[in-house]
C-alpha atoms as a PDB file:
ATOM      1  CA  UNK A   1     111.953  84.841  83.463  1.00  0.00           C
ATOM      2  CA  UNK A   2     109.851  83.059  86.119  1.00  0.00           C
ATOM      3  CA  UNK A   3     107.331  85.928  86.420  1.00  0.00           C
ATOM      4  CA  UNK A   4     106.870  89.551  85.506  1.00  0.00           C
ATOM      5  CA  UNK A   5     104.840  91.709  87.859  1.00  0.00           C
ATOM      6  CA  UNK A   6     104.565  93.286  91.272  1.00  0.00           C
ATOM      7  CA  UNK A   7     104.814  91.755  94.761  1.00  0.00           C
ATOM      8  CA  UNK A   8     103.368  93.515  97.806  1.00  0.00           C
ATOM      9  CA  UNK A   9     103.194  92.828 101.537  1.00  0.00           C
ATOM     10  CA  UNK A  10      99.917  93.660 103.257  1.00  0.00           C
ATOM     11  CA  UNK A  11      98.895  93.496 106.919  1.00  0.00           C
ATOM     12  CA  UNK A  12      97.845  90.056 108.126  1.00  0.00           C
ATOM     13  CA  UNK A  13      94.282  91.296 108.723  1.00  0.00           C
ATOM     14  CA  UNK A  14      93.666  91.226 104.954  1.00  0.00           C
ATOM     15  CA  UNK A  15      93.030  87.504 105.047  1.00  0.00           C
ATOM     16  CA  UNK A  16      90.035  87.158 102.685  1.00  0.00           C
ATOM     17  CA  UNK A  17      90.698  86.924  98.944  1.00  0.00           C
ATOM     18  CA  UNK A  18      88.186  87.450  96.142  1.00  0.00           C
ATOM     19  CA  UNK A  19      88.700  87.538  92.380  1.00  0.00           C
ATOM     20  CA  UNK A  20      86.973  87.453  89.021  1.00  0.00           C
ATOM     21  CA  UNK A  21      89.011  85.067  86.933  1.00  0.00           C
ATOM     22  CA  UNK A  22      89.819  81.377  86.665  1.00  0.00           C
ATOM     23  CA  UNK A  23      89.329  79.381  89.844  1.00  0.00           C
ATOM     24  CA  UNK A  24      88.791  78.358  92.496  1.00  0.00           C
ATOM     25  CA  UNK A  25      91.812  76.059  92.050  1.00  0.00           C
ATOM     26  CA  UNK A  26      95.190  77.211  90.774  1.00  0.00           C
ATOM     27  CA  UNK A  27      95.816  77.749  87.074  1.00  0.00           C
ATOM     28  CA  UNK A  28      98.812  78.665  84.951  1.00  0.00           C
ATOM     29  CA  UNK A  29      99.320  79.984  81.435  1.00  0.00           C
ATOM     30  CA  UNK A  30      99.835  76.437  80.117  1.00  0.00           C
ATOM     31  CA  UNK A  31      97.389  74.723  82.517  1.00  0.00           C
ATOM     32  CA  UNK A  32      94.100  76.554  82.593  1.00  0.00           C
ATOM     33  CA  UNK A  33      91.727  74.900  80.110  1.00  0.00           C
ATOM     34  CA  UNK A  34      89.849  72.992  82.817  1.00  0.00           C
ATOM     35  CA  UNK A  35      89.482  75.950  85.191  1.00  0.00           C
ATOM     36  CA  UNK A  36      86.382  78.108  84.663  1.00  0.00           C
ATOM     37  CA  UNK A  37      86.224  81.892  84.792  1.00  0.00           C
ATOM     38  CA  UNK A  38      83.908  83.125  87.542  1.00  0.00           C
ATOM     39  CA  UNK A  39      83.617  85.035  90.798  1.00  0.00           C
ATOM     40  CA  UNK A  40      85.567  83.235  93.539  1.00  0.00           C
ATOM     41  CA  UNK A  41      86.439  83.905  97.179  1.00  0.00           C
ATOM     42  CA  UNK A  42      88.216  82.212 100.062  1.00  0.00           C
ATOM     43  CA  UNK A  43      90.796  82.786 102.752  1.00  0.00           C
ATOM     44  CA  UNK A  44      94.425  83.535 101.960  1.00  0.00           C
ATOM     45  CA  UNK A  45      95.399  80.264 103.644  1.00  0.00           C
ATOM     46  CA  UNK A  46      93.008  78.321 101.369  1.00  0.00           C
ATOM     47  CA  UNK A  47      94.974  79.467  98.310  1.00  0.00           C
ATOM     48  CA  UNK A  48      98.084  77.529  99.385  1.00  0.00           C
ATOM     49  CA  UNK A  49      98.598  74.147  97.683  1.00  0.00           C
ATOM     50  CA  UNK A  50     100.640  71.889 100.006  1.00  0.00           C
ATOM     51  CA  UNK A  51     102.993  70.169  97.577  1.00  0.00           C
ATOM     52  CA  UNK A  52     105.439  67.792  99.285  1.00  0.00           C
ATOM     53  CA  UNK A  53     108.313  70.008  98.158  1.00  0.00           C
ATOM     54  CA  UNK A  54     107.261  73.659  98.537  1.00  0.00           C
ATOM     55  CA  UNK A  55     107.173  75.590  95.285  1.00  0.00           C
ATOM     56  CA  UNK A  56     105.228  78.295  93.489  1.00  0.00           C
ATOM     57  CA  UNK A  57     101.516  77.516  93.826  1.00  0.00           C
ATOM     58  CA  UNK A  58      98.008  78.943  93.945  1.00  0.00           C
ATOM     59  CA  UNK A  59      98.287  81.149  90.844  1.00  0.00           C
ATOM     60  CA  UNK A  60      95.083  82.455  89.244  1.00  0.00           C
ATOM     61  CA  UNK A  61      94.925  83.317  85.521  1.00  0.00           C
ATOM     62  CA  UNK A  62      92.670  85.477  83.337  1.00  0.00           C
ATOM     63  CA  UNK A  63      91.868  87.673  86.338  1.00  0.00           C
ATOM     64  CA  UNK A  64      89.877  90.859  85.685  1.00  0.00           C
ATOM     65  CA  UNK A  65      90.033  92.074  89.288  1.00  0.00           C
ATOM     66  CA  UNK A  66      91.158  90.743  92.660  1.00  0.00           C
ATOM     67  CA  UNK A  67      90.754  92.022  96.205  1.00  0.00           C
ATOM     68  CA  UNK A  68      92.123  91.395  99.681  1.00  0.00           C
ATOM     69  CA  UNK A  69      89.613  92.132 102.425  1.00  0.00           C
ATOM     70  CA  UNK A  70      89.856  92.484 106.221  1.00  0.00           C
ATOM     71  CA  UNK A  71      87.215  91.213 108.720  1.00  0.00           C
ATOM     72  CA  UNK A  72      85.521  94.647 108.784  1.00  0.00           C
ATOM     73  CA  UNK A  73      85.007  94.560 105.004  1.00  0.00           C
ATOM     74  CA  UNK A  74      87.695  97.094 104.105  1.00  0.00           C
ATOM     75  CA  UNK A  75      89.990  96.104 101.298  1.00  0.00           C
ATOM     76  CA  UNK A  76      92.373  96.760  98.474  1.00  0.00           C
ATOM     77  CA  UNK A  77      91.389  95.890  94.936  1.00  0.00           C
ATOM     78  CA  UNK A  78      93.585  95.429  91.857  1.00  0.00           C
ATOM     79  CA  UNK A  79      91.950  96.001  88.477  1.00  0.00           C
ATOM     80  CA  UNK A  80      93.717  95.146  85.240  1.00  0.00           C
ATOM     81  CA  UNK A  81      93.462  96.970  81.933  1.00  0.00           C
ATOM     82  CA  UNK A  82      93.808  93.452  80.497  1.00  0.00           C
ATOM     83  CA  UNK A  83      93.437  90.104  82.314  1.00  0.00           C
ATOM     84  CA  UNK A  84      96.363  89.416  84.646  1.00  0.00           C
ATOM     85  CA  UNK A  85      97.585  86.699  87.019  1.00  0.00           C
ATOM     86  CA  UNK A  86      97.595  86.815  90.807  1.00  0.00           C
ATOM     87  CA  UNK A  87      98.366  84.785  93.907  1.00  0.00           C
ATOM     88  CA  UNK A  88      98.295  85.346  97.661  1.00  0.00           C
ATOM     89  CA  UNK A  89     100.306  83.566 100.353  1.00  0.00           C
ATOM     90  CA  UNK A  90     101.609  83.726 103.870  1.00  0.00           C
ATOM     91  CA  UNK A  91     105.059  82.839 102.455  1.00  0.00           C
ATOM     92  CA  UNK A  92     107.514  84.725 100.277  1.00  0.00           C
ATOM     93  CA  UNK A  93     108.906  83.262  97.055  1.00  0.00           C
ATOM     94  CA  UNK A  94     112.227  82.918  98.906  1.00  0.00           C
ATOM     95  CA  UNK A  95     110.514  80.903 101.675  1.00  0.00           C
ATOM     96  CA  UNK A  96     109.059  78.509  99.100  1.00  0.00           C
ATOM     97  CA  UNK A  97     112.389  78.137  97.309  1.00  0.00           C
ATOM     98  CA  UNK A  98     114.433  77.615 100.478  1.00  0.00           C
ATOM     99  CA  UNK A  99     112.230  74.933 102.092  1.00  0.00           C
ATOM    100  CA  UNK A 100     112.682  71.317 101.057  1.00  0.00           C
ATOM    101  CA  UNK A 101     109.531  70.079 102.832  1.00  0.00           C
ATOM    102  CA  UNK A 102     106.187  71.679 103.707  1.00  0.00           C
ATOM    103  CA  UNK A 103     106.780  71.300 107.449  1.00  0.00           C
ATOM    104  CA  UNK A 104     109.809  73.629 107.143  1.00  0.00           C
ATOM    105  CA  UNK A 105     107.604  76.584 106.123  1.00  0.00           C
ATOM    106  CA  UNK A 106     106.690  79.174 108.763  1.00  0.00           C
ATOM    107  CA  UNK A 107     103.777  81.502 108.076  1.00  0.00           C
ATOM    108  CA  UNK A 108     104.773  85.156 107.885  1.00  0.00           C
ATOM    109  CA  UNK A 109     103.035  87.866 109.877  1.00  0.00           C
ATOM    110  CA  UNK A 110     101.944  89.547 106.629  1.00  0.00           C
ATOM    111  CA  UNK A 111     100.181  88.594 103.405  1.00  0.00           C
ATOM    112  CA  UNK A 112     102.216  88.356 100.179  1.00  0.00           C
ATOM    113  CA  UNK A 113     100.222  89.476  97.131  1.00  0.00           C
ATOM    114  CA  UNK A 114     101.597  88.869  93.640  1.00  0.00           C
ATOM    115  CA  UNK A 115     100.078  90.804  90.735  1.00  0.00           C
ATOM    116  CA  UNK A 116     101.636  89.518  87.537  1.00  0.00           C
ATOM    117  CA  UNK A 117     101.485  90.359  83.868  1.00  0.00           C
ATOM    118  CA  UNK A 118     102.379  86.718  83.412  1.00  0.00           C
ATOM    119  CA  UNK A 119     104.018  83.790  85.111  1.00  0.00           C
ATOM    120  CA  UNK A 120     106.075  81.257  83.204  1.00  0.00           C
ATOM    121  CA  UNK A 121     104.238  78.073  82.246  1.00  0.00           C
ATOM    122  CA  UNK A 122     104.863  74.933  84.280  1.00  0.00           C
ATOM    123  CA  UNK A 123     105.514  72.277  81.673  1.00  0.00           C
ATOM    124  CA  UNK A 124     105.813  68.744  82.986  1.00  0.00           C
ATOM    125  CA  UNK A 125     109.556  68.308  83.527  1.00  0.00           C
ATOM    126  CA  UNK A 126     109.124  66.078  86.594  1.00  0.00           C
ATOM    127  CA  UNK A 127     107.266  63.485  84.541  1.00  0.00           C
ATOM    128  CA  UNK A 128     107.301  64.799  80.974  1.00  0.00           C
ATOM    129  CA  UNK A 129     108.620  67.571  78.739  1.00  0.00           C
ATOM    130  CA  UNK A 130     109.773  70.942  80.002  1.00  0.00           C
ATOM    131  CA  UNK A 131     107.818  74.141  79.452  1.00  0.00           C
ATOM    132  CA  UNK A 132     106.916  74.604  75.796  1.00  0.00           C
ATOM    133  CA  UNK A 133     108.582  77.654  74.179  1.00  0.00           C
ATOM    134  CA  UNK A 134     105.290  79.531  73.710  1.00  0.00           C
ATOM    135  CA  UNK A 135     104.721  79.463  77.500  1.00  0.00           C
ATOM    136  CA  UNK A 136     108.120  80.903  78.472  1.00  0.00           C
ATOM    137  CA  UNK A 137     108.545  84.587  79.302  1.00  0.00           C
ATOM    138  CA  UNK A 138     111.179  86.042  77.030  1.00  0.00           C
ATOM    139  CA  UNK A 139     112.942  89.306  77.931  1.00  0.00           C
ATOM    140  CA  UNK A 140     111.028  92.011  76.041  1.00  0.00           C
ATOM    141  CA  UNK A 141     109.274  95.337  76.542  1.00  0.00           C
ATOM    142  CA  UNK A 142     105.886  94.796  78.162  1.00  0.00           C
ATOM    143  CA  UNK A 143     103.141  97.235  79.169  1.00  0.00           C
ATOM    144  CA  UNK A 144     101.428  96.091  82.342  1.00  0.00           C
ATOM    145  CA  UNK A 145      98.814  98.429  83.736  1.00  0.00           C
ATOM    146  CA  UNK A 146      96.990  97.810  86.977  1.00  0.00           C
ATOM    147  CA  UNK A 147      95.034 100.115  89.262  1.00  0.00           C
ATOM    148  CA  UNK A 148      95.042  99.652  93.038  1.00  0.00           C
ATOM    149  CA  UNK A 149      91.897 100.953  94.704  1.00  0.00           C
ATOM    150  CA  UNK A 150      91.001 100.859  98.405  1.00  0.00           C
ATOM    151  CA  UNK A 151      87.357 100.297  99.328  1.00  0.00           C
ATOM    152  CA  UNK A 152      85.250 100.525 102.467  1.00  0.00           C
ATOM    153  CA  UNK A 153      83.020  98.114 104.305  1.00  0.00           C
ATOM    154  CA  UNK A 154      79.701  97.055 102.870  1.00  0.00           C
ATOM    155  CA  UNK A 155      80.624  97.007  99.181  1.00  0.00           C
ATOM    156  CA  UNK A 156      79.301  93.708  97.736  1.00  0.00           C
ATOM    157  CA  UNK A 157      81.743  91.665  95.646  1.00  0.00           C
ATOM    158  CA  UNK A 158      79.726  92.100  92.452  1.00  0.00           C
ATOM    159  CA  UNK A 159      79.998  95.897  92.913  1.00  0.00           C
ATOM    160  CA  UNK A 160      83.781  95.725  93.342  1.00  0.00           C
ATOM    161  CA  UNK A 161      84.272  94.512  89.794  1.00  0.00           C
ATOM    162  CA  UNK A 162      82.427  97.425  88.211  1.00  0.00           C
ATOM    163  CA  UNK A 163      85.434  99.723  88.481  1.00  0.00           C
ATOM    164  CA  UNK A 164      87.131 100.276  85.127  1.00  0.00           C
ATOM    165  CA  UNK A 165      90.529 101.569  84.060  1.00  0.00           C
ATOM    166  CA  UNK A 166      90.346 104.583  81.766  1.00  0.00           C
END
């Protein structure tokens, strides 16, 4: 399985992204050792990695919470019972798969937010071995619990992360 989780479309106004997890650059289950856990923020567009051939990109691992925020400071936060993975884009997975070159991509008029229990590891098949077996997602029963919580303007980022799942 390439990923196991939830994909949502949000209004384009939610163009700021903040998270407590590995960053600010992308990380994956099998490629995260050099990416520190911390509080990170940026625009949705800044999360896109412009590979020559479009593909999955911008994933964040070991995320405790993540939020999309509009210019007025309103937002939607995702909080995991356990660390999860997340990514935000202006493209769907189908857009990234269909395009052969970056210039073929057209930004959508919505934000795509992926909240994943896990994404398959990358491996190095283009210039090395494929994904190691321990980083593949095997079909199995999985419990993935995430809470979605809206919030209003004026809530500082360090306050956002204080919400807990019971």
